[in-house]
Amino acid sequence: MNLDMAKRITGGASRPSKMPGLSWNIPATLCKVGSKLRAIPGSTCSGCYALKGRYMFPNVQNAMHRRLDLYNKAHENGTITRWYEAMAYYANSRRSKLFFRFFDSGDLQSLQMLHDLCIVARMCENTHFWLPTREYGIVREFVSGGYTIPGNMTIRLSSPMVDGFTYPSITGWGITYSAVHTKTPVSGAFVCPAYTQEGKCGECRVCWNPKSTLVSYPQH
């Protein structure tokens, strides 16, 4: 596997300027729960950052659609194992800096997708993975089915409402939570410092840490 091959198979990785390493994203317009939340005032999706700014540039949108299309075609063509290998190439590369995010735009599309991303994580035991999601139903089905989250993956169940966090009834290794606040963070939460350091993670890696149960993000 090399960079050119990995790009042909997966559509390439994203490199969000905020974060230390690489990401894999798909169009936010295809979020299942998020698409419903966008119509609800006060929801954490009502002003979705992935539906404005540079995310809406045609080349960025084309790249995100291409990533999802290639993932789907890998299943259709029976070449999903090569897709795993190509994704693992990116996650293990020096460019990832051993911290990889799934979905800086978009969200889980199916239970099968969650299984697939877990397979990639297991292939990259030295890389830390962060998967934020509002697809509680998919995660609940995964956990209730007796499946386990890889030890190097942190799934953060994102609160649907700003200033309205309650703990979801989904627990287990690798299951953590996140909230969004306007003025007052959720009690006991770690407050994301990005907005005090030019909108970047800097040295912080809490979102990738499964021991950090709750992270609260200032609304932006």
C-alpha atoms as a PDB file:
ATOM      1  CA  MET A   1       0.000   0.000   0.000  1.00  0.00           C
ATOM      2  CA  ASN A   2       1.230   3.497  -0.834  1.00  0.00           C
ATOM      3  CA  LEU A   3      -0.270   6.987  -0.764  1.00  0.00           C
ATOM      4  CA  ASP A   4      -1.515   6.989  -4.365  1.00  0.00           C
ATOM      5  CA  MET A   5      -3.160   3.597  -3.956  1.00  0.00           C
ATOM      6  CA  ALA A   6      -4.736   4.539  -0.619  1.00  0.00           C
ATOM      7  CA  LYS A   7      -6.188   7.680  -2.177  1.00  0.00           C
ATOM      8  CA  ARG A   8      -7.656   5.760  -5.132  1.00  0.00           C
ATOM      9  CA  ILE A   9      -9.298   3.251  -2.792  1.00  0.00           C
ATOM     10  CA  THR A  10     -10.672   5.627  -0.136  1.00  0.00           C
ATOM     11  CA  GLY A  11     -10.856   9.023  -1.803  1.00  0.00           C
ATOM     12  CA  GLY A  12      -8.185  10.346   0.521  1.00  0.00           C
ATOM     13  CA  ALA A  13      -8.122  11.653   4.060  1.00  0.00           C
ATOM     14  CA  SER A  14      -9.147  15.074   5.315  1.00  0.00           C
ATOM     15  CA  ARG A  15      -6.787  17.269   7.320  1.00  0.00           C
ATOM     16  CA  PRO A  16      -8.860  19.680   9.448  1.00  0.00           C
ATOM     17  CA  SER A  17      -6.763  22.663  10.491  1.00  0.00           C
ATOM     18  CA  LYS A  18      -8.065  22.485  14.067  1.00  0.00           C
ATOM     19  CA  MET A  19      -6.809  18.986  14.815  1.00  0.00           C
ATOM     20  CA  PRO A  20      -3.393  17.366  15.148  1.00  0.00           C
ATOM     21  CA  GLY A  21      -3.815  14.682  12.506  1.00  0.00           C
ATOM     22  CA  LEU A  22      -6.082  13.314   9.806  1.00  0.00           C
ATOM     23  CA  SER A  23      -9.797  12.631   9.526  1.00  0.00           C
ATOM     24  CA  TRP A  24     -12.263  10.767   7.326  1.00  0.00           C
ATOM     25  CA  ASN A  25     -15.397  12.720   6.517  1.00  0.00           C
ATOM     26  CA  ILE A  26     -18.548  12.497   4.415  1.00  0.00           C
ATOM     27  CA  PRO A  27     -21.228  15.099   3.561  1.00  0.00           C
ATOM     28  CA  ALA A  28     -23.126  16.520   6.544  1.00  0.00           C
ATOM     29  CA  THR A  29     -26.218  16.714   4.341  1.00  0.00           C
ATOM     30  CA  LEU A  30     -26.429  12.923   4.637  1.00  0.00           C
ATOM     31  CA  CYS A  31     -26.501  12.807   8.442  1.00  0.00           C
ATOM     32  CA  LYS A  32     -29.566  10.835   9.491  1.00  0.00           C
ATOM     33  CA  VAL A  33     -30.281  12.204  12.973  1.00  0.00           C
ATOM     34  CA  GLY A  34     -28.454  15.441  12.214  1.00  0.00           C
ATOM     35  CA  SER A  35     -30.670  16.209   9.227  1.00  0.00           C
ATOM     36  CA  LYS A  36     -33.696  16.127  11.515  1.00  0.00           C
ATOM     37  CA  LEU A  37     -31.998  18.152  14.233  1.00  0.00           C
ATOM     38  CA  ARG A  38     -31.021  20.913  11.806  1.00  0.00           C
ATOM     39  CA  ALA A  39     -34.683  21.961  11.639  1.00  0.00           C
ATOM     40  CA  ILE A  40     -34.951  22.279  15.429  1.00  0.00           C
ATOM     41  CA  PRO A  41     -33.951  25.656  16.912  1.00  0.00           C
ATOM     42  CA  GLY A  42     -31.520  25.251  19.784  1.00  0.00           C
ATOM     43  CA  SER A  43     -30.230  21.897  18.590  1.00  0.00           C
ATOM     44  CA  THR A  44     -26.520  21.286  18.239  1.00  0.00           C
ATOM     45  CA  CYS A  45     -27.029  20.782  14.499  1.00  0.00           C
ATOM     46  CA  SER A  46     -29.110  23.899  13.807  1.00  0.00           C
ATOM     47  CA  GLY A  47     -26.005  25.908  12.916  1.00  0.00           C
ATOM     48  CA  CYS A  48     -23.875  23.030  11.657  1.00  0.00           C
ATOM     49  CA  TYR A  49     -20.306  24.191  10.998  1.00  0.00           C
ATOM     50  CA  ALA A  50     -19.919  21.517   8.299  1.00  0.00           C
ATOM     51  CA  LEU A  51     -22.617  23.206   6.212  1.00  0.00           C
ATOM     52  CA  LYS A  52     -20.856  26.528   5.870  1.00  0.00           C
ATOM     53  CA  GLY A  53     -17.467  28.058   5.194  1.00  0.00           C
ATOM     54  CA  ARG A  54     -14.805  25.971   3.465  1.00  0.00           C
ATOM     55  CA  TYR A  55     -16.856  22.796   3.894  1.00  0.00           C
ATOM     56  CA  MET A  56     -19.179  24.083   1.182  1.00  0.00           C
ATOM     57  CA  PHE A  57     -16.469  24.662  -1.421  1.00  0.00           C
ATOM     58  CA  PRO A  58     -17.223  22.462  -4.458  1.00  0.00           C
ATOM     59  CA  ASN A  59     -13.880  20.636  -4.263  1.00  0.00           C
ATOM     60  CA  VAL A  60     -14.441  19.815  -0.572  1.00  0.00           C
ATOM     61  CA  GLN A  61     -18.002  18.619  -1.190  1.00  0.00           C
ATOM     62  CA  ASN A  62     -16.846  16.512  -4.133  1.00  0.00           C
ATOM     63  CA  ALA A  63     -14.130  14.920  -2.000  1.00  0.00           C
ATOM     64  CA  MET A  64     -16.578  13.998   0.768  1.00  0.00           C
ATOM     65  CA  HIS A  65     -19.075  12.474  -1.674  1.00  0.00           C
ATOM     66  CA  ARG A  66     -16.228  10.564  -3.315  1.00  0.00           C
ATOM     67  CA  ARG A  67     -15.149   9.068   0.040  1.00  0.00           C
ATOM     68  CA  LEU A  68     -18.630   7.767   0.769  1.00  0.00           C
ATOM     69  CA  ASP A  69     -19.117   6.487  -2.786  1.00  0.00           C
ATOM     70  CA  LEU A  70     -15.845   4.552  -2.676  1.00  0.00           C
ATOM     71  CA  TYR A  71     -16.742   3.072   0.712  1.00  0.00           C
ATOM     72  CA  ASN A  72     -20.124   1.900  -0.628  1.00  0.00           C
ATOM     73  CA  LYS A  73     -18.570   0.534  -3.823  1.00  0.00           C
ATOM     74  CA  ALA A  74     -16.011  -1.413  -1.789  1.00  0.00           C
ATOM     75  CA  HIS A  75     -18.908  -3.296  -0.206  1.00  0.00           C
ATOM     76  CA  GLU A  76     -20.719  -3.730  -3.511  1.00  0.00           C
ATOM     77  CA  ASN A  77     -17.599  -5.020  -5.280  1.00  0.00           C
ATOM     78  CA  GLY A  78     -16.388  -7.234  -2.438  1.00  0.00           C
ATOM     79  CA  THR A  79     -13.209  -5.187  -2.009  1.00  0.00           C
ATOM     80  CA  ILE A  80     -13.889  -3.870   1.486  1.00  0.00           C
ATOM     81  CA  THR A  81     -10.744  -5.568   2.822  1.00  0.00           C
ATOM     82  CA  ARG A  82      -8.654  -3.330   0.565  1.00  0.00           C
ATOM     83  CA  TRP A  83     -10.594  -0.337   1.860  1.00  0.00           C
ATOM     84  CA  TYR A  84      -9.673  -1.349   5.428  1.00  0.00           C
ATOM     85  CA  GLU A  85      -6.030  -1.602   4.424  1.00  0.00           C
ATOM     86  CA  ALA A  86      -6.075   1.796   2.726  1.00  0.00           C
ATOM     87  CA  MET A  87      -7.746   3.474   5.690  1.00  0.00           C
ATOM     88  CA  ALA A  88      -5.244   1.845   8.022  1.00  0.00           C
ATOM     89  CA  TYR A  89      -2.459   3.219   5.820  1.00  0.00           C
ATOM     90  CA  TYR A  90      -3.679   6.765   6.491  1.00  0.00           C
ATOM     91  CA  ALA A  91      -4.297   6.194  10.199  1.00  0.00           C
ATOM     92  CA  ASN A  92      -0.830   4.710  10.671  1.00  0.00           C
ATOM     93  CA  SER A  93       0.956   7.347   8.607  1.00  0.00           C
ATOM     94  CA  ARG A  94       3.160  10.042  10.074  1.00  0.00           C
ATOM     95  CA  ARG A  95       0.643  12.614   8.863  1.00  0.00           C
ATOM     96  CA  SER A  96      -1.954  11.233  11.288  1.00  0.00           C
ATOM     97  CA  LYS A  97       0.424  11.762  14.239  1.00  0.00           C
ATOM     98  CA  LEU A  98      -1.293   8.736  15.823  1.00  0.00           C
ATOM     99  CA  PHE A  99      -4.558  10.672  16.363  1.00  0.00           C
ATOM    100  CA  PHE A 100      -7.310  10.074  13.811  1.00  0.00           C
ATOM    101  CA  ARG A 101     -10.884  11.330  13.761  1.00  0.00           C
ATOM    102  CA  PHE A 102     -13.882   9.840  12.028  1.00  0.00           C
ATOM    103  CA  PHE A 103     -16.441  12.455  10.917  1.00  0.00           C
ATOM    104  CA  ASP A 104     -15.300  16.052  11.204  1.00  0.00           C
ATOM    105  CA  SER A 105     -18.261  16.213   8.810  1.00  0.00           C
ATOM    106  CA  GLY A 106     -21.050  13.678   8.525  1.00  0.00           C
ATOM    107  CA  ASP A 107     -21.961  10.761  10.770  1.00  0.00           C
ATOM    108  CA  LEU A 108     -22.477   7.012  10.864  1.00  0.00           C
ATOM    109  CA  GLN A 109     -24.707   5.735   8.073  1.00  0.00           C
ATOM    110  CA  SER A 110     -25.304   2.212   9.344  1.00  0.00           C
ATOM    111  CA  LEU A 111     -24.398  -0.462  11.861  1.00  0.00           C
ATOM    112  CA  GLN A 112     -22.178  -1.994   9.182  1.00  0.00           C
ATOM    113  CA  MET A 113     -20.202   1.242   8.907  1.00  0.00           C
ATOM    114  CA  LEU A 114     -19.534   1.230  12.656  1.00  0.00           C
ATOM    115  CA  HIS A 115     -18.298  -2.368  12.391  1.00  0.00           C
ATOM    116  CA  ASP A 116     -16.025  -1.354   9.520  1.00  0.00           C
ATOM    117  CA  LEU A 117     -14.511   1.605  11.353  1.00  0.00           C
ATOM    118  CA  CYS A 118     -13.853  -0.622  14.358  1.00  0.00           C
ATOM    119  CA  ILE A 119     -11.996  -3.047  12.081  1.00  0.00           C
ATOM    120  CA  VAL A 120      -9.789  -0.198  10.865  1.00  0.00           C
ATOM    121  CA  ALA A 121      -9.056   0.816  14.456  1.00  0.00           C
ATOM    122  CA  ARG A 122      -8.062  -2.730  15.384  1.00  0.00           C
ATOM    123  CA  MET A 123      -5.596  -2.721  12.499  1.00  0.00           C
ATOM    124  CA  CYS A 124      -3.917   0.400  13.927  1.00  0.00           C
ATOM    125  CA  GLU A 125      -3.335  -0.420  17.583  1.00  0.00           C
ATOM    126  CA  ASN A 126      -0.858   2.447  18.077  1.00  0.00           C
ATOM    127  CA  THR A 127      -3.257   5.093  16.735  1.00  0.00           C
ATOM    128  CA  HIS A 128      -5.991   6.713  18.829  1.00  0.00           C
ATOM    129  CA  PHE A 129      -9.395   7.124  17.158  1.00  0.00           C
ATOM    130  CA  TRP A 130     -12.187   9.554  18.037  1.00  0.00           C
ATOM    131  CA  LEU A 131     -15.678   9.042  16.627  1.00  0.00           C
ATOM    132  CA  PRO A 132     -18.265  11.698  17.584  1.00  0.00           C
ATOM    133  CA  THR A 133     -21.828  10.706  16.721  1.00  0.00           C
ATOM    134  CA  ARG A 134     -25.489  11.524  17.247  1.00  0.00           C
ATOM    135  CA  GLU A 135     -26.537   8.131  15.936  1.00  0.00           C
ATOM    136  CA  TYR A 136     -27.425   6.730  19.358  1.00  0.00           C
ATOM    137  CA  GLY A 137     -29.542   3.984  17.810  1.00  0.00           C
ATOM    138  CA  ILE A 138     -26.634   2.550  15.832  1.00  0.00           C
ATOM    139  CA  VAL A 139     -24.321   2.614  18.847  1.00  0.00           C
ATOM    140  CA  ARG A 140     -26.997   1.085  21.080  1.00  0.00           C
ATOM    141  CA  GLU A 141     -27.544  -1.739  18.576  1.00  0.00           C
ATOM    142  CA  PHE A 142     -23.795  -2.332  18.378  1.00  0.00           C
ATOM    143  CA  VAL A 143     -23.372  -2.537  22.155  1.00  0.00           C
ATOM    144  CA  SER A 144     -26.543  -4.573  22.783  1.00  0.00           C
ATOM    145  CA  GLY A 145     -25.400  -7.014  20.114  1.00  0.00           C
ATOM    146  CA  GLY A 146     -22.430  -7.890  22.298  1.00  0.00           C
ATOM    147  CA  TYR A 147     -19.858  -6.193  20.081  1.00  0.00           C
ATOM    148  CA  THR A 148     -16.917  -4.397  21.670  1.00  0.00           C
ATOM    149  CA  ILE A 149     -15.336  -1.071  20.866  1.00  0.00           C
ATOM    150  CA  PRO A 150     -11.596  -1.330  20.215  1.00  0.00           C
ATOM    151  CA  GLY A 151      -9.417  -0.226  23.100  1.00  0.00           C
ATOM    152  CA  ASN A 152      -7.932   2.568  20.978  1.00  0.00           C
ATOM    153  CA  MET A 153     -11.298   4.029  19.889  1.00  0.00           C
ATOM    154  CA  THR A 154     -13.350   6.604  21.761  1.00  0.00           C
ATOM    155  CA  ILE A 155     -16.982   7.031  20.696  1.00  0.00           C
ATOM    156  CA  ARG A 156     -18.464  10.319  21.938  1.00  0.00           C
ATOM    157  CA  LEU A 157     -22.236  10.468  21.946  1.00  0.00           C
ATOM    158  CA  SER A 158     -22.980  14.091  21.104  1.00  0.00           C
ATOM    159  CA  SER A 159     -25.818  15.877  22.871  1.00  0.00           C
ATOM    160  CA  PRO A 160     -28.668  16.813  20.505  1.00  0.00           C
ATOM    161  CA  MET A 161     -29.486  20.108  22.264  1.00  0.00           C
ATOM    162  CA  VAL A 162     -27.398  23.108  23.291  1.00  0.00           C
ATOM    163  CA  ASP A 163     -27.490  23.571  27.090  1.00  0.00           C
ATOM    164  CA  GLY A 164     -29.640  20.464  27.345  1.00  0.00           C
ATOM    165  CA  PHE A 165     -27.254  17.635  28.137  1.00  0.00           C
ATOM    166  CA  THR A 166     -28.445  14.459  29.830  1.00  0.00           C
ATOM    167  CA  TYR A 167     -26.465  11.224  29.969  1.00  0.00           C
ATOM    168  CA  PRO A 168     -27.729   8.722  27.362  1.00  0.00           C
ATOM    169  CA  SER A 169     -28.521   5.254  28.654  1.00  0.00           C
ATOM    170  CA  ILE A 170     -25.687   3.708  26.657  1.00  0.00           C
ATOM    171  CA  THR A 171     -22.594   2.654  28.548  1.00  0.00           C
ATOM    172  CA  GLY A 172     -19.559   0.495  28.033  1.00  0.00           C
ATOM    173  CA  TRP A 173     -15.855   0.689  27.325  1.00  0.00           C
ATOM    174  CA  GLY A 174     -15.125   3.437  24.826  1.00  0.00           C
ATOM    175  CA  ILE A 175     -18.548   5.089  25.190  1.00  0.00           C
ATOM    176  CA  THR A 176     -18.152   8.715  26.271  1.00  0.00           C
ATOM    177  CA  TYR A 177     -20.235  11.859  25.895  1.00  0.00           C
ATOM    178  CA  SER A 178     -20.109  15.471  24.775  1.00  0.00           C
ATOM    179  CA  ALA A 179     -22.223  18.555  25.368  1.00  0.00           C
ATOM    180  CA  VAL A 180     -22.451  22.054  23.905  1.00  0.00           C
ATOM    181  CA  HIS A 181     -22.911  25.041  26.211  1.00  0.00           C
ATOM    182  CA  THR A 182     -23.444  28.758  25.716  1.00  0.00           C
ATOM    183  CA  LYS A 183     -22.255  30.179  29.055  1.00  0.00           C
ATOM    184  CA  THR A 184     -22.159  27.501  31.723  1.00  0.00           C
ATOM    185  CA  PRO A 185     -20.483  24.133  31.031  1.00  0.00           C
ATOM    186  CA  VAL A 186     -22.071  20.926  32.253  1.00  0.00           C
ATOM    187  CA  SER A 187     -20.998  20.245  35.836  1.00  0.00           C
ATOM    188  CA  GLY A 188     -17.963  17.988  35.969  1.00  0.00           C
ATOM    189  CA  ALA A 189     -17.234  18.233  32.251  1.00  0.00           C
ATOM    190  CA  PHE A 190     -13.853  18.943  30.741  1.00  0.00           C
ATOM    191  CA  VAL A 191     -14.222  22.214  28.819  1.00  0.00           C
ATOM    192  CA  CYS A 192     -12.687  22.175  25.351  1.00  0.00           C
ATOM    193  CA  PRO A 193      -9.870  24.766  25.304  1.00  0.00           C
ATOM    194  CA  ALA A 194      -9.769  25.215  21.515  1.00  0.00           C
ATOM    195  CA  TYR A 195     -11.524  28.569  21.601  1.00  0.00           C
ATOM    196  CA  THR A 196      -8.838  30.020  23.849  1.00  0.00           C
ATOM    197  CA  GLN A 197      -6.073  28.870  21.506  1.00  0.00           C
ATOM    198  CA  GLU A 198      -7.018  30.094  18.046  1.00  0.00           C
ATOM    199  CA  GLY A 199      -9.636  27.384  17.521  1.00  0.00           C
ATOM    200  CA  LYS A 200      -7.119  24.553  17.594  1.00  0.00           C
ATOM    201  CA  CYS A 201      -6.595  21.462  19.721  1.00  0.00           C
ATOM    202  CA  GLY A 202      -3.007  22.473  20.413  1.00  0.00           C
ATOM    203  CA  GLU A 203      -1.533  19.937  22.818  1.00  0.00           C
ATOM    204  CA  CYS A 204      -4.955  18.759  24.036  1.00  0.00           C
ATOM    205  CA  ARG A 205      -5.995  15.199  23.165  1.00  0.00           C
ATOM    206  CA  VAL A 206      -8.894  14.746  25.598  1.00  0.00           C
ATOM    207  CA  CYS A 207     -11.474  13.961  22.891  1.00  0.00           C
ATOM    208  CA  TRP A 208      -9.483  10.835  21.997  1.00  0.00           C
ATOM    209  CA  ASN A 209      -9.223   9.705  25.629  1.00  0.00           C
ATOM    210  CA  PRO A 210     -11.861   7.136  26.699  1.00  0.00           C
ATOM    211  CA  LYS A 211     -11.165   7.985  30.344  1.00  0.00           C
ATOM    212  CA  SER A 212     -12.491  11.516  29.770  1.00  0.00           C
ATOM    213  CA  THR A 213     -16.170  10.758  30.225  1.00  0.00           C
ATOM    214  CA  LEU A 214     -17.679  14.137  29.307  1.00  0.00           C
ATOM    215  CA  VAL A 215     -16.367  17.020  27.203  1.00  0.00           C
ATOM    216  CA  SER A 216     -18.310  20.277  26.929  1.00  0.00           C
ATOM    217  CA  TYR A 217     -17.748  22.503  23.892  1.00  0.00           C
ATOM    218  CA  PRO A 218     -18.497  26.238  23.922  1.00  0.00           C
ATOM    219  CA  GLN A 219     -21.065  27.005  21.219  1.00  0.00           C
ATOM    220  CA  HIS A 220     -19.501  28.592  18.138  1.00  0.00           C
END
